[in-house]
């Protein structure tokens, strides 16, 4: 959870760095399945044992990077809130245990009720 939080903040604070450090290595793992392909369309796994044919291929990843960088503007980092974390963690545990999903608890508590309960 903390790693995801850090990744989101890196994207908010420095989108260019995020694009280079996270997405570029994935883009470099694509190879062309044939010389006539405009964009590479086979993704080579990290251990280099398999190639996965992708219909979107490197083009989709390139589009994502370009869109992200065009829209990029540095934003303030999010601040960790232990209360929100506990409310979300407890709720997801309850939903998972019950095999349910939703924004309300099994007792009908809203997200705001859960946050107040954990404050």
C-alpha atoms as a PDB file:
ATOM      1  CA  UNK A   1       0.000   0.000   0.000  1.00  0.00           C
ATOM      2  CA  UNK A   2       2.795   2.386   0.877  1.00  0.00           C
ATOM      3  CA  UNK A   3       4.606   1.648  -2.418  1.00  0.00           C
ATOM      4  CA  UNK A   4       1.441   2.446  -4.385  1.00  0.00           C
ATOM      5  CA  UNK A   5       1.011   5.664  -2.411  1.00  0.00           C
ATOM      6  CA  UNK A   6       4.599   6.673  -3.243  1.00  0.00           C
ATOM      7  CA  UNK A   7       4.074   5.862  -6.930  1.00  0.00           C
ATOM      8  CA  UNK A   8       0.923   7.990  -7.076  1.00  0.00           C
ATOM      9  CA  UNK A   9       2.740  10.879  -5.410  1.00  0.00           C
ATOM     10  CA  UNK A  10       5.652  10.576  -7.827  1.00  0.00           C
ATOM     11  CA  UNK A  11       3.157  10.800 -10.679  1.00  0.00           C
ATOM     12  CA  UNK A  12       1.544  13.876  -9.106  1.00  0.00           C
ATOM     13  CA  UNK A  13       4.758  15.695  -8.198  1.00  0.00           C
ATOM     14  CA  UNK A  14       6.913  14.767 -11.197  1.00  0.00           C
ATOM     15  CA  UNK A  15       4.983  13.126 -14.046  1.00  0.00           C
ATOM     16  CA  UNK A  16       8.000  13.282 -16.362  1.00  0.00           C
ATOM     17  CA  UNK A  17      10.079  11.279 -13.885  1.00  0.00           C
ATOM     18  CA  UNK A  18       7.261   8.762 -13.472  1.00  0.00           C
ATOM     19  CA  UNK A  19       6.935   8.281 -17.216  1.00  0.00           C
ATOM     20  CA  UNK A  20      10.666   7.721 -17.614  1.00  0.00           C
ATOM     21  CA  UNK A  21      11.220   5.526 -14.580  1.00  0.00           C
ATOM     22  CA  UNK A  22       8.101   3.370 -14.709  1.00  0.00           C
ATOM     23  CA  UNK A  23       6.718   3.247 -18.227  1.00  0.00           C
ATOM     24  CA  UNK A  24       9.841   3.520 -20.394  1.00  0.00           C
ATOM     25  CA  UNK A  25      11.313   0.202 -19.188  1.00  0.00           C
ATOM     26  CA  UNK A  26       8.049  -1.549 -20.127  1.00  0.00           C
ATOM     27  CA  UNK A  27       8.017   0.089 -23.537  1.00  0.00           C
ATOM     28  CA  UNK A  28      11.524  -1.208 -24.181  1.00  0.00           C
ATOM     29  CA  UNK A  29      10.353  -4.799 -23.598  1.00  0.00           C
ATOM     30  CA  UNK A  30       8.214  -4.859 -26.760  1.00  0.00           C
ATOM     31  CA  UNK A  31       9.521  -6.418 -29.963  1.00  0.00           C
ATOM     32  CA  UNK A  32       8.058  -6.651 -33.479  1.00  0.00           C
ATOM     33  CA  UNK A  33       6.483  -9.972 -34.415  1.00  0.00           C
ATOM     34  CA  UNK A  34       7.046  -9.187 -38.084  1.00  0.00           C
ATOM     35  CA  UNK A  35       9.010  -6.590 -40.061  1.00  0.00           C
ATOM     36  CA  UNK A  36       5.764  -5.137 -41.460  1.00  0.00           C
ATOM     37  CA  UNK A  37       4.425  -4.175 -38.016  1.00  0.00           C
ATOM     38  CA  UNK A  38       4.553  -0.407 -37.496  1.00  0.00           C
ATOM     39  CA  UNK A  39       4.775  -0.780 -33.713  1.00  0.00           C
ATOM     40  CA  UNK A  40       6.220  -3.621 -31.647  1.00  0.00           C
ATOM     41  CA  UNK A  41       3.432  -5.920 -30.506  1.00  0.00           C
ATOM     42  CA  UNK A  42       5.033  -8.747 -28.521  1.00  0.00           C
ATOM     43  CA  UNK A  43       5.862  -8.130 -24.875  1.00  0.00           C
ATOM     44  CA  UNK A  44       8.858 -10.079 -23.560  1.00  0.00           C
ATOM     45  CA  UNK A  45       8.458 -11.131 -19.924  1.00  0.00           C
ATOM     46  CA  UNK A  46      10.920  -9.943 -17.286  1.00  0.00           C
ATOM     47  CA  UNK A  47      12.625 -13.347 -17.128  1.00  0.00           C
ATOM     48  CA  UNK A  48      12.810 -13.355 -20.965  1.00  0.00           C
ATOM     49  CA  UNK A  49      11.227 -16.807 -21.170  1.00  0.00           C
ATOM     50  CA  UNK A  50       8.015 -15.810 -22.958  1.00  0.00           C
ATOM     51  CA  UNK A  51       6.653 -13.377 -25.457  1.00  0.00           C
ATOM     52  CA  UNK A  52       3.059 -12.237 -25.043  1.00  0.00           C
ATOM     53  CA  UNK A  53       1.247 -11.093 -28.192  1.00  0.00           C
ATOM     54  CA  UNK A  54      -0.604  -7.834 -27.555  1.00  0.00           C
ATOM     55  CA  UNK A  55      -3.106  -6.229 -29.875  1.00  0.00           C
ATOM     56  CA  UNK A  56      -2.409  -2.791 -28.457  1.00  0.00           C
ATOM     57  CA  UNK A  57       1.318  -3.337 -28.010  1.00  0.00           C
ATOM     58  CA  UNK A  58       3.850  -0.600 -27.535  1.00  0.00           C
ATOM     59  CA  UNK A  59       1.599   1.916 -29.336  1.00  0.00           C
ATOM     60  CA  UNK A  60      -0.896   1.915 -26.460  1.00  0.00           C
ATOM     61  CA  UNK A  61       1.883   2.384 -23.935  1.00  0.00           C
ATOM     62  CA  UNK A  62       3.414   5.162 -26.016  1.00  0.00           C
ATOM     63  CA  UNK A  63       0.004   6.865 -26.241  1.00  0.00           C
ATOM     64  CA  UNK A  64      -0.369   6.594 -22.465  1.00  0.00           C
ATOM     65  CA  UNK A  65       3.033   8.164 -21.860  1.00  0.00           C
ATOM     66  CA  UNK A  66       2.386  10.992 -24.334  1.00  0.00           C
ATOM     67  CA  UNK A  67      -1.087  11.706 -22.951  1.00  0.00           C
ATOM     68  CA  UNK A  68       0.243  11.729 -19.426  1.00  0.00           C
ATOM     69  CA  UNK A  69       3.044  14.114 -20.310  1.00  0.00           C
ATOM     70  CA  UNK A  70       0.781  16.460 -22.285  1.00  0.00           C
ATOM     71  CA  UNK A  71      -1.623  16.724 -19.377  1.00  0.00           C
ATOM     72  CA  UNK A  72       1.185  16.806 -16.848  1.00  0.00           C
ATOM     73  CA  UNK A  73       1.389  19.587 -14.401  1.00  0.00           C
ATOM     74  CA  UNK A  74       3.100  19.263 -11.104  1.00  0.00           C
ATOM     75  CA  UNK A  75       0.659  18.846  -8.247  1.00  0.00           C
ATOM     76  CA  UNK A  76       1.159  18.795  -4.514  1.00  0.00           C
ATOM     77  CA  UNK A  77       1.776  15.340  -3.077  1.00  0.00           C
ATOM     78  CA  UNK A  78      -1.026  13.643  -1.219  1.00  0.00           C
ATOM     79  CA  UNK A  79      -0.652  13.339   2.531  1.00  0.00           C
ATOM     80  CA  UNK A  80      -1.013   9.962   4.219  1.00  0.00           C
ATOM     81  CA  UNK A  81      -4.030   9.774   6.516  1.00  0.00           C
ATOM     82  CA  UNK A  82      -3.975   6.868   8.922  1.00  0.00           C
ATOM     83  CA  UNK A  83      -7.681   7.316   9.719  1.00  0.00           C
ATOM     84  CA  UNK A  84      -8.672   6.979   6.054  1.00  0.00           C
ATOM     85  CA  UNK A  85      -6.340   4.032   5.662  1.00  0.00           C
ATOM     86  CA  UNK A  86      -7.851   2.184   8.650  1.00  0.00           C
ATOM     87  CA  UNK A  87     -11.413   2.901   7.474  1.00  0.00           C
ATOM     88  CA  UNK A  88     -10.643   1.596   3.964  1.00  0.00           C
ATOM     89  CA  UNK A  89      -8.628  -1.371   5.220  1.00  0.00           C
ATOM     90  CA  UNK A  90     -11.329  -2.498   7.661  1.00  0.00           C
ATOM     91  CA  UNK A  91     -14.058  -2.054   5.047  1.00  0.00           C
ATOM     92  CA  UNK A  92     -12.208  -4.037   2.386  1.00  0.00           C
ATOM     93  CA  UNK A  93     -11.545  -6.781   4.939  1.00  0.00           C
ATOM     94  CA  UNK A  94     -15.239  -6.957   5.819  1.00  0.00           C
ATOM     95  CA  UNK A  95     -16.281  -6.997   2.172  1.00  0.00           C
ATOM     96  CA  UNK A  96     -13.719  -9.646   1.273  1.00  0.00           C
ATOM     97  CA  UNK A  97     -14.658 -11.880   4.196  1.00  0.00           C
ATOM     98  CA  UNK A  98     -18.346 -11.671   3.314  1.00  0.00           C
ATOM     99  CA  UNK A  99     -17.728 -12.080  -0.423  1.00  0.00           C
ATOM    100  CA  UNK A 100     -19.485  -8.787  -1.060  1.00  0.00           C
ATOM    101  CA  UNK A 101     -18.489  -5.446  -2.501  1.00  0.00           C
ATOM    102  CA  UNK A 102     -19.916  -1.968  -2.220  1.00  0.00           C
ATOM    103  CA  UNK A 103     -19.507   1.425  -0.656  1.00  0.00           C
ATOM    104  CA  UNK A 104     -21.685   0.651   2.350  1.00  0.00           C
ATOM    105  CA  UNK A 105     -20.881  -1.856   5.073  1.00  0.00           C
ATOM    106  CA  UNK A 106     -23.025  -4.927   5.645  1.00  0.00           C
ATOM    107  CA  UNK A 107     -24.739  -2.906   8.404  1.00  0.00           C
ATOM    108  CA  UNK A 108     -25.440  -0.008   6.038  1.00  0.00           C
ATOM    109  CA  UNK A 109     -22.699   2.375   7.214  1.00  0.00           C
ATOM    110  CA  UNK A 110     -21.594   4.875   4.584  1.00  0.00           C
ATOM    111  CA  UNK A 111     -18.006   5.761   3.779  1.00  0.00           C
ATOM    112  CA  UNK A 112     -18.427   8.931   5.852  1.00  0.00           C
ATOM    113  CA  UNK A 113     -19.750   6.927   8.820  1.00  0.00           C
ATOM    114  CA  UNK A 114     -16.727   4.617   8.628  1.00  0.00           C
ATOM    115  CA  UNK A 115     -14.315   7.549   8.506  1.00  0.00           C
ATOM    116  CA  UNK A 116     -15.997   9.173  11.512  1.00  0.00           C
ATOM    117  CA  UNK A 117     -15.821   5.878  13.363  1.00  0.00           C
ATOM    118  CA  UNK A 118     -12.068   5.713  12.812  1.00  0.00           C
ATOM    119  CA  UNK A 119     -11.382   9.377  13.688  1.00  0.00           C
END
